[in-house]
Amino acid sequence: MRSDGEINMSKEFRDFIKEIVSIVVIAFVLAMILRTFVIEGRIIPTGSMIPTIVEQDRVMVCKFVYYFKKPQRRYCGF
């Protein structure tokens, strides 16, 4: 037979596991929301923008601002 101490320990352990799982799920959901709608990390695959950005550079792309205004394209004249 189990004593009251073992039952309480088991309940505490189950509560601890539930809390850890809920924290991990919330963190995963928040990370997916941020990555989808706000900011995303990218690696530049080619050297098409050398010398400004070189191959394998890492950049953070801000997606949030484009929900409020349209992107503007500028003519360089080259």
PDB file of N, CA and C in Angstrom:
ATOM      1  N   MET A   1       0.829  -1.188   0.000  1.00  0.00           N
ATOM      2  CA  MET A   1       0.000   0.000   0.000  1.00  0.00           C
ATOM      3  C   MET A   1       0.872   1.251   0.000  1.00  0.00           C
ATOM      4  N   ARG A   2       0.344   2.260  -0.637  1.00  0.00           N
ATOM      5  CA  ARG A   2       1.066   3.539  -0.673  1.00  0.00           C
ATOM      6  C   ARG A   2       0.704   4.383   0.538  1.00  0.00           C
ATOM      7  N   SER A   3       1.679   5.110   1.006  1.00  0.00           N
ATOM      8  CA  SER A   3       1.400   6.036   2.096  1.00  0.00           C
ATOM      9  C   SER A   3       0.965   7.382   1.515  1.00  0.00           C
ATOM     10  N   ASP A   4       0.492   8.258   2.372  1.00  0.00           N
ATOM     11  CA  ASP A   4       0.043   9.576   1.914  1.00  0.00           C
ATOM     12  C   ASP A   4       1.192  10.382   1.300  1.00  0.00           C
ATOM     13  N   GLY A   5       2.392  10.184   1.801  1.00  0.00           N
ATOM     14  CA  GLY A   5       3.557  10.895   1.265  1.00  0.00           C
ATOM     15  C   GLY A   5       3.836  10.509  -0.175  1.00  0.00           C
ATOM     16  N   GLU A   6       3.701   9.218  -0.499  1.00  0.00           N
ATOM     17  CA  GLU A   6       3.932   8.764  -1.871  1.00  0.00           C
ATOM     18  C   GLU A   6       2.856   9.278  -2.812  1.00  0.00           C
ATOM     19  N   ILE A   7       1.604   9.331  -2.347  1.00  0.00           N
ATOM     20  CA  ILE A   7       0.507   9.831  -3.183  1.00  0.00           C
ATOM     21  C   ILE A   7       0.700  11.312  -3.460  1.00  0.00           C
ATOM     22  N   ASN A   8       1.063  12.084  -2.437  1.00  0.00           N
ATOM     23  CA  ASN A   8       1.289  13.519  -2.631  1.00  0.00           C
ATOM     24  C   ASN A   8       2.471  13.769  -3.549  1.00  0.00           C
ATOM     25  N   MET A   9       3.520  12.969  -3.399  1.00  0.00           N
ATOM     26  CA  MET A   9       4.691  13.113  -4.257  1.00  0.00           C
ATOM     27  C   MET A   9       4.321  12.837  -5.700  1.00  0.00           C
ATOM     28  N   SER A  10       3.514  11.825  -5.925  1.00  0.00           N
ATOM     29  CA  SER A  10       3.097  11.488  -7.273  1.00  0.00           C
ATOM     30  C   SER A  10       2.234  12.603  -7.869  1.00  0.00           C
ATOM     31  N   LYS A  11       1.340  13.187  -7.079  1.00  0.00           N
ATOM     32  CA  LYS A  11       0.490  14.284  -7.545  1.00  0.00           C
ATOM     33  C   LYS A  11       1.341  15.518  -7.848  1.00  0.00           C
ATOM     34  N   GLU A  12       2.315  15.797  -6.989  1.00  0.00           N
ATOM     35  CA  GLU A  12       3.214  16.935  -7.221  1.00  0.00           C
ATOM     36  C   GLU A  12       4.019  16.734  -8.501  1.00  0.00           C
ATOM     37  N   PHE A  13       4.463  15.502  -8.713  1.00  0.00           N
ATOM     38  CA  PHE A  13       5.233  15.212  -9.923  1.00  0.00           C
ATOM     39  C   PHE A  13       4.357  15.382 -11.171  1.00  0.00           C
ATOM     40  N   ARG A  14       3.121  14.908 -11.128  1.00  0.00           N
ATOM     41  CA  ARG A  14       2.198  15.067 -12.259  1.00  0.00           C
ATOM     42  C   ARG A  14       1.902  16.533 -12.521  1.00  0.00           C
ATOM     43  N   ASP A  15       1.713  17.324 -11.461  1.00  0.00           N
ATOM     44  CA  ASP A  15       1.476  18.761 -11.627  1.00  0.00           C
ATOM     45  C   ASP A  15       2.695  19.445 -12.249  1.00  0.00           C
ATOM     46  N   PHE A  16       3.885  19.022 -11.817  1.00  0.00           N
ATOM     47  CA  PHE A  16       5.115  19.571 -12.374  1.00  0.00           C
ATOM     48  C   PHE A  16       5.225  19.263 -13.868  1.00  0.00           C
ATOM     49  N   ILE A  17       4.939  18.037 -14.263  1.00  0.00           N
ATOM     50  CA  ILE A  17       5.000  17.644 -15.673  1.00  0.00           C
ATOM     51  C   ILE A  17       3.973  18.420 -16.491  1.00  0.00           C
ATOM     52  N   LYS A  18       2.764  18.579 -15.954  1.00  0.00           N
ATOM     53  CA  LYS A  18       1.732  19.353 -16.652  1.00  0.00           C
ATOM     54  C   LYS A  18       2.177  20.794 -16.863  1.00  0.00           C
ATOM     55  N   GLU A  19       2.806  21.379 -15.861  1.00  0.00           N
ATOM     56  CA  GLU A  19       3.274  22.756 -15.965  1.00  0.00           C
ATOM     57  C   GLU A  19       4.377  22.879 -17.016  1.00  0.00           C
ATOM     58  N   ILE A  20       5.318  21.956 -17.018  1.00  0.00           N
ATOM     59  CA  ILE A  20       6.400  21.986 -18.011  1.00  0.00           C
ATOM     60  C   ILE A  20       5.847  21.846 -19.423  1.00  0.00           C
ATOM     61  N   VAL A  21       4.916  20.916 -19.632  1.00  0.00           N
ATOM     62  CA  VAL A  21       4.323  20.708 -20.941  1.00  0.00           C
ATOM     63  C   VAL A  21       3.570  21.959 -21.388  1.00  0.00           C
ATOM     64  N   SER A  22       2.824  22.589 -20.484  1.00  0.00           N
ATOM     65  CA  SER A  22       2.088  23.798 -20.863  1.00  0.00           C
ATOM     66  C   SER A  22       3.033  24.937 -21.220  1.00  0.00           C
ATOM     67  N   ILE A  23       4.142  25.073 -20.508  1.00  0.00           N
ATOM     68  CA  ILE A  23       5.125  26.117 -20.825  1.00  0.00           C
ATOM     69  C   ILE A  23       5.735  25.882 -22.198  1.00  0.00           C
ATOM     70  N   VAL A  24       6.086  24.640 -22.499  1.00  0.00           N
ATOM     71  CA  VAL A  24       6.680  24.321 -23.800  1.00  0.00           C
ATOM     72  C   VAL A  24       5.681  24.575 -24.925  1.00  0.00           C
ATOM     73  N   VAL A  25       4.426  24.195 -24.741  1.00  0.00           N
ATOM     74  CA  VAL A  25       3.406  24.419 -25.772  1.00  0.00           C
ATOM     75  C   VAL A  25       3.183  25.909 -26.001  1.00  0.00           C
ATOM     76  N   ILE A  26       3.082  26.689 -24.935  1.00  0.00           N
ATOM     77  CA  ILE A  26       2.891  28.141 -25.075  1.00  0.00           C
ATOM     78  C   ILE A  26       4.084  28.774 -25.772  1.00  0.00           C
ATOM     79  N   ALA A  27       5.294  28.371 -25.423  1.00  0.00           N
ATOM     80  CA  ALA A  27       6.493  28.922 -26.068  1.00  0.00           C
ATOM     81  C   ALA A  27       6.519  28.576 -27.554  1.00  0.00           C
ATOM     82  N   PHE A  28       6.142  27.354 -27.899  1.00  0.00           N
ATOM     83  CA  PHE A  28       6.115  26.938 -29.301  1.00  0.00           C
ATOM     84  C   PHE A  28       5.091  27.747 -30.094  1.00  0.00           C
ATOM     85  N   VAL A  29       3.904  27.930 -29.541  1.00  0.00           N
ATOM     86  CA  VAL A  29       2.852  28.695 -30.225  1.00  0.00           C
ATOM     87  C   VAL A  29       3.289  30.149 -30.411  1.00  0.00           C
ATOM     88  N   LEU A  30       3.864  30.760 -29.379  1.00  0.00           N
ATOM     89  CA  LEU A  30       4.343  32.142 -29.509  1.00  0.00           C
ATOM     90  C   LEU A  30       5.458  32.260 -30.543  1.00  0.00           C
ATOM     91  N   ALA A  31       6.366  31.297 -30.571  1.00  0.00           N
ATOM     92  CA  ALA A  31       7.446  31.334 -31.561  1.00  0.00           C
ATOM     93  C   ALA A  31       6.896  31.225 -32.978  1.00  0.00           C
ATOM     94  N   MET A  32       5.913  30.366 -33.196  1.00  0.00           N
ATOM     95  CA  MET A  32       5.319  30.225 -34.529  1.00  0.00           C
ATOM     96  C   MET A  32       4.567  31.485 -34.943  1.00  0.00           C
ATOM     97  N   ILE A  33       3.874  32.121 -34.014  1.00  0.00           N
ATOM     98  CA  ILE A  33       3.172  33.375 -34.325  1.00  0.00           C
ATOM     99  C   ILE A  33       4.176  34.460 -34.679  1.00  0.00           C
ATOM    100  N   LEU A  34       5.242  34.601 -33.887  1.00  0.00           N
ATOM    101  CA  LEU A  34       6.263  35.610 -34.188  1.00  0.00           C
ATOM    102  C   LEU A  34       6.927  35.340 -35.530  1.00  0.00           C
ATOM    103  N   ARG A  35       7.259  34.098 -35.791  1.00  0.00           N
ATOM    104  CA  ARG A  35       7.946  33.764 -37.037  1.00  0.00           C
ATOM    105  C   ARG A  35       7.042  33.982 -38.249  1.00  0.00           C
ATOM    106  N   THR A  36       5.751  33.732 -38.102  1.00  0.00           N
ATOM    107  CA  THR A  36       4.831  33.852 -39.219  1.00  0.00           C
ATOM    108  C   THR A  36       4.470  35.306 -39.514  1.00  0.00           C
ATOM    109  N   PHE A  37       4.238  36.113 -38.482  1.00  0.00           N
ATOM    110  CA  PHE A  37       3.676  37.445 -38.697  1.00  0.00           C
ATOM    111  C   PHE A  37       4.604  38.603 -38.370  1.00  0.00           C
ATOM    112  N   VAL A  38       5.653  38.421 -37.589  1.00  0.00           N
ATOM    113  CA  VAL A  38       6.434  39.565 -37.116  1.00  0.00           C
ATOM    114  C   VAL A  38       7.857  39.578 -37.668  1.00  0.00           C
ATOM    115  N   ILE A  39       8.644  38.563 -37.376  1.00  0.00           N
ATOM    116  CA  ILE A  39      10.062  38.583 -37.753  1.00  0.00           C
ATOM    117  C   ILE A  39      10.525  37.163 -38.059  1.00  0.00           C
ATOM    118  N   GLU A  40      11.463  37.057 -38.983  1.00  0.00           N
ATOM    119  CA  GLU A  40      11.969  35.737 -39.357  1.00  0.00           C
ATOM    120  C   GLU A  40      13.443  35.841 -39.726  1.00  0.00           C
ATOM    121  N   GLY A  41      14.214  34.861 -39.329  1.00  0.00           N
ATOM    122  CA  GLY A  41      15.620  34.808 -39.678  1.00  0.00           C
ATOM    123  C   GLY A  41      15.815  34.120 -41.021  1.00  0.00           C
ATOM    124  N   ARG A  42      16.704  34.645 -41.834  1.00  0.00           N
ATOM    125  CA  ARG A  42      16.995  34.064 -43.155  1.00  0.00           C
ATOM    126  C   ARG A  42      18.498  33.989 -43.359  1.00  0.00           C
ATOM    127  N   ILE A  43      18.909  33.043 -44.194  1.00  0.00           N
ATOM    128  CA  ILE A  43      20.303  32.927 -44.628  1.00  0.00           C
ATOM    129  C   ILE A  43      20.335  33.243 -46.116  1.00  0.00           C
ATOM    130  N   ILE A  44      21.231  34.139 -46.526  1.00  0.00           N
ATOM    131  CA  ILE A  44      21.338  34.541 -47.926  1.00  0.00           C
ATOM    132  C   ILE A  44      22.018  33.409 -48.698  1.00  0.00           C
ATOM    133  N   PRO A  45      21.333  32.798 -49.695  1.00  0.00           N
ATOM    134  CA  PRO A  45      21.889  31.630 -50.378  1.00  0.00           C
ATOM    135  C   PRO A  45      22.864  31.953 -51.511  1.00  0.00           C
ATOM    136  N   THR A  46      22.742  33.127 -52.135  1.00  0.00           N
ATOM    137  CA  THR A  46      23.592  33.441 -53.285  1.00  0.00           C
ATOM    138  C   THR A  46      24.298  34.768 -53.084  1.00  0.00           C
ATOM    139  N   GLY A  47      25.269  35.037 -53.914  1.00  0.00           N
ATOM    140  CA  GLY A  47      26.019  36.282 -53.825  1.00  0.00           C
ATOM    141  C   GLY A  47      25.493  37.368 -54.733  1.00  0.00           C
ATOM    142  N   SER A  48      24.197  37.433 -54.959  1.00  0.00           N
ATOM    143  CA  SER A  48      23.641  38.390 -55.908  1.00  0.00           C
ATOM    144  C   SER A  48      23.697  39.833 -55.426  1.00  0.00           C
ATOM    145  N   MET A  49      23.907  40.059 -54.132  1.00  0.00           N
ATOM    146  CA  MET A  49      23.948  41.434 -53.623  1.00  0.00           C
ATOM    147  C   MET A  49      25.335  41.822 -53.108  1.00  0.00           C
ATOM    148  N   ILE A  50      26.375  41.117 -53.548  1.00  0.00           N
ATOM    149  CA  ILE A  50      27.747  41.440 -53.140  1.00  0.00           C
ATOM    150  C   ILE A  50      28.062  42.850 -53.625  1.00  0.00           C
ATOM    151  N   PRO A  51      28.667  43.734 -52.922  1.00  0.00           N
ATOM    152  CA  PRO A  51      29.344  43.639 -51.638  1.00  0.00           C
ATOM    153  C   PRO A  51      28.450  43.982 -50.441  1.00  0.00           C
ATOM    154  N   THR A  52      27.191  44.380 -50.671  1.00  0.00           N
ATOM    155  CA  THR A  52      26.327  44.761 -49.553  1.00  0.00           C
ATOM    156  C   THR A  52      26.035  43.577 -48.642  1.00  0.00           C
ATOM    157  N   ILE A  53      25.555  42.505 -49.225  1.00  0.00           N
ATOM    158  CA  ILE A  53      25.269  41.285 -48.478  1.00  0.00           C
ATOM    159  C   ILE A  53      26.011  40.156 -49.176  1.00  0.00           C
ATOM    160  N   VAL A  54      26.829  39.439 -48.429  1.00  0.00           N
ATOM    161  CA  VAL A  54      27.585  38.351 -49.032  1.00  0.00           C
ATOM    162  C   VAL A  54      26.887  37.016 -48.791  1.00  0.00           C
ATOM    163  N   GLU A  55      27.325  36.014 -49.516  1.00  0.00           N
ATOM    164  CA  GLU A  55      26.743  34.680 -49.408  1.00  0.00           C
ATOM    165  C   GLU A  55      26.864  34.144 -47.985  1.00  0.00           C
ATOM    166  N   GLN A  56      25.828  33.478 -47.517  1.00  0.00           N
ATOM    167  CA  GLN A  56      25.722  32.866 -46.193  1.00  0.00           C
ATOM    168  C   GLN A  56      25.606  33.876 -45.051  1.00  0.00           C
ATOM    169  N   ASP A  57      25.333  35.159 -45.356  1.00  0.00           N
ATOM    170  CA  ASP A  57      25.026  36.123 -44.300  1.00  0.00           C
ATOM    171  C   ASP A  57      23.680  35.768 -43.686  1.00  0.00           C
ATOM    172  N   ARG A  58      23.512  36.121 -42.432  1.00  0.00           N
ATOM    173  CA  ARG A  58      22.236  35.894 -41.750  1.00  0.00           C
ATOM    174  C   ARG A  58      21.568  37.243 -41.529  1.00  0.00           C
ATOM    175  N   VAL A  59      20.293  37.344 -41.887  1.00  0.00           N
ATOM    176  CA  VAL A  59      19.541  38.582 -41.721  1.00  0.00           C
ATOM    177  C   VAL A  59      18.222  38.280 -41.019  1.00  0.00           C
ATOM    178  N   MET A  60      17.688  39.288 -40.348  1.00  0.00           N
ATOM    179  CA  MET A  60      16.368  39.185 -39.736  1.00  0.00           C
ATOM    180  C   MET A  60      15.413  40.013 -40.593  1.00  0.00           C
ATOM    181  N   VAL A  61      14.351  39.391 -41.042  1.00  0.00           N
ATOM    182  CA  VAL A  61      13.379  40.034 -41.913  1.00  0.00           C
ATOM    183  C   VAL A  61      12.190  40.471 -41.071  1.00  0.00           C
ATOM    184  N   CYS A  62      11.877  41.769 -41.105  1.00  0.00           N
ATOM    185  CA  CYS A  62      10.742  42.305 -40.361  1.00  0.00           C
ATOM    186  C   CYS A  62       9.519  42.283 -41.269  1.00  0.00           C
ATOM    187  N   LYS A  63       8.516  41.503 -40.906  1.00  0.00           N
ATOM    188  CA  LYS A  63       7.301  41.386 -41.699  1.00  0.00           C
ATOM    189  C   LYS A  63       6.195  42.301 -41.177  1.00  0.00           C
ATOM    190  N   PHE A  64       6.334  42.759 -39.956  1.00  0.00           N
ATOM    191  CA  PHE A  64       5.271  43.470 -39.269  1.00  0.00           C
ATOM    192  C   PHE A  64       4.911  44.789 -39.929  1.00  0.00           C
ATOM    193  N   VAL A  65       5.904  45.530 -40.407  1.00  0.00           N
ATOM    194  CA  VAL A  65       5.665  46.861 -40.957  1.00  0.00           C
ATOM    195  C   VAL A  65       4.809  46.809 -42.229  1.00  0.00           C
ATOM    196  N   TYR A  66       4.846  45.716 -42.958  1.00  0.00           N
ATOM    197  CA  TYR A  66       4.108  45.626 -44.212  1.00  0.00           C
ATOM    198  C   TYR A  66       2.619  45.378 -44.014  1.00  0.00           C
ATOM    199  N   TYR A  67       2.175  45.210 -42.785  1.00  0.00           N
ATOM    200  CA  TYR A  67       0.737  45.152 -42.530  1.00  0.00           C
ATOM    201  C   TYR A  67       0.135  46.553 -42.503  1.00  0.00           C
ATOM    202  N   PHE A  68       0.983  47.590 -42.359  1.00  0.00           N
ATOM    203  CA  PHE A  68       0.503  48.961 -42.231  1.00  0.00           C
ATOM    204  C   PHE A  68       0.770  49.822 -43.455  1.00  0.00           C
ATOM    205  N   LYS A  69       1.759  49.475 -44.262  1.00  0.00           N
ATOM    206  CA  LYS A  69       2.046  50.244 -45.476  1.00  0.00           C
ATOM    207  C   LYS A  69       2.567  49.314 -46.556  1.00  0.00           C
ATOM    208  N   LYS A  70       2.375  49.743 -47.795  1.00  0.00           N
ATOM    209  CA  LYS A  70       2.842  48.942 -48.926  1.00  0.00           C
ATOM    210  C   LYS A  70       4.337  49.151 -49.125  1.00  0.00           C
ATOM    211  N   PRO A  71       5.048  48.127 -49.550  1.00  0.00           N
ATOM    212  CA  PRO A  71       6.477  48.312 -49.839  1.00  0.00           C
ATOM    213  C   PRO A  71       6.653  49.231 -51.040  1.00  0.00           C
ATOM    214  N   GLN A  72       7.667  50.087 -50.980  1.00  0.00           N
ATOM    215  CA  GLN A  72       7.931  51.010 -52.085  1.00  0.00           C
ATOM    216  C   GLN A  72       9.175  50.533 -52.827  1.00  0.00           C
ATOM    217  N   ARG A  73       9.098  50.589 -54.125  1.00  0.00           N
ATOM    218  CA  ARG A  73      10.237  50.208 -54.952  1.00  0.00           C
ATOM    219  C   ARG A  73      10.874  51.488 -55.498  1.00  0.00           C
ATOM    220  N   ARG A  74      12.180  51.516 -55.501  1.00  0.00           N
ATOM    221  CA  ARG A  74      12.897  52.699 -55.975  1.00  0.00           C
ATOM    222  C   ARG A  74      13.747  52.311 -57.173  1.00  0.00           C
ATOM    223  N   TYR A  75      13.821  53.211 -58.117  1.00  0.00           N
ATOM    224  CA  TYR A  75      14.654  53.001 -59.296  1.00  0.00           C
ATOM    225  C   TYR A  75      16.049  53.533 -59.005  1.00  0.00           C
ATOM    226  N   CYS A  76      17.062  52.675 -59.199  1.00  0.00           N
ATOM    227  CA  CYS A  76      18.452  53.063 -58.904  1.00  0.00           C
ATOM    228  C   CYS A  76      19.072  53.904 -60.016  1.00  0.00           C
ATOM    229  N   GLY A  77      18.714  53.609 -61.257  1.00  0.00           N
ATOM    230  CA  GLY A  77      19.289  54.350 -62.365  1.00  0.00           C
ATOM    231  C   GLY A  77      20.557  53.725 -62.916  1.00  0.00           C
ATOM    232  N   PHE A  78      20.903  52.529 -62.492  1.00  0.00           N
ATOM    233  CA  PHE A  78      22.107  51.872 -63.007  1.00  0.00           C
ATOM    234  C   PHE A  78      21.830  51.203 -64.313  1.00  0.00           C
TER     235      PHE A  78
END
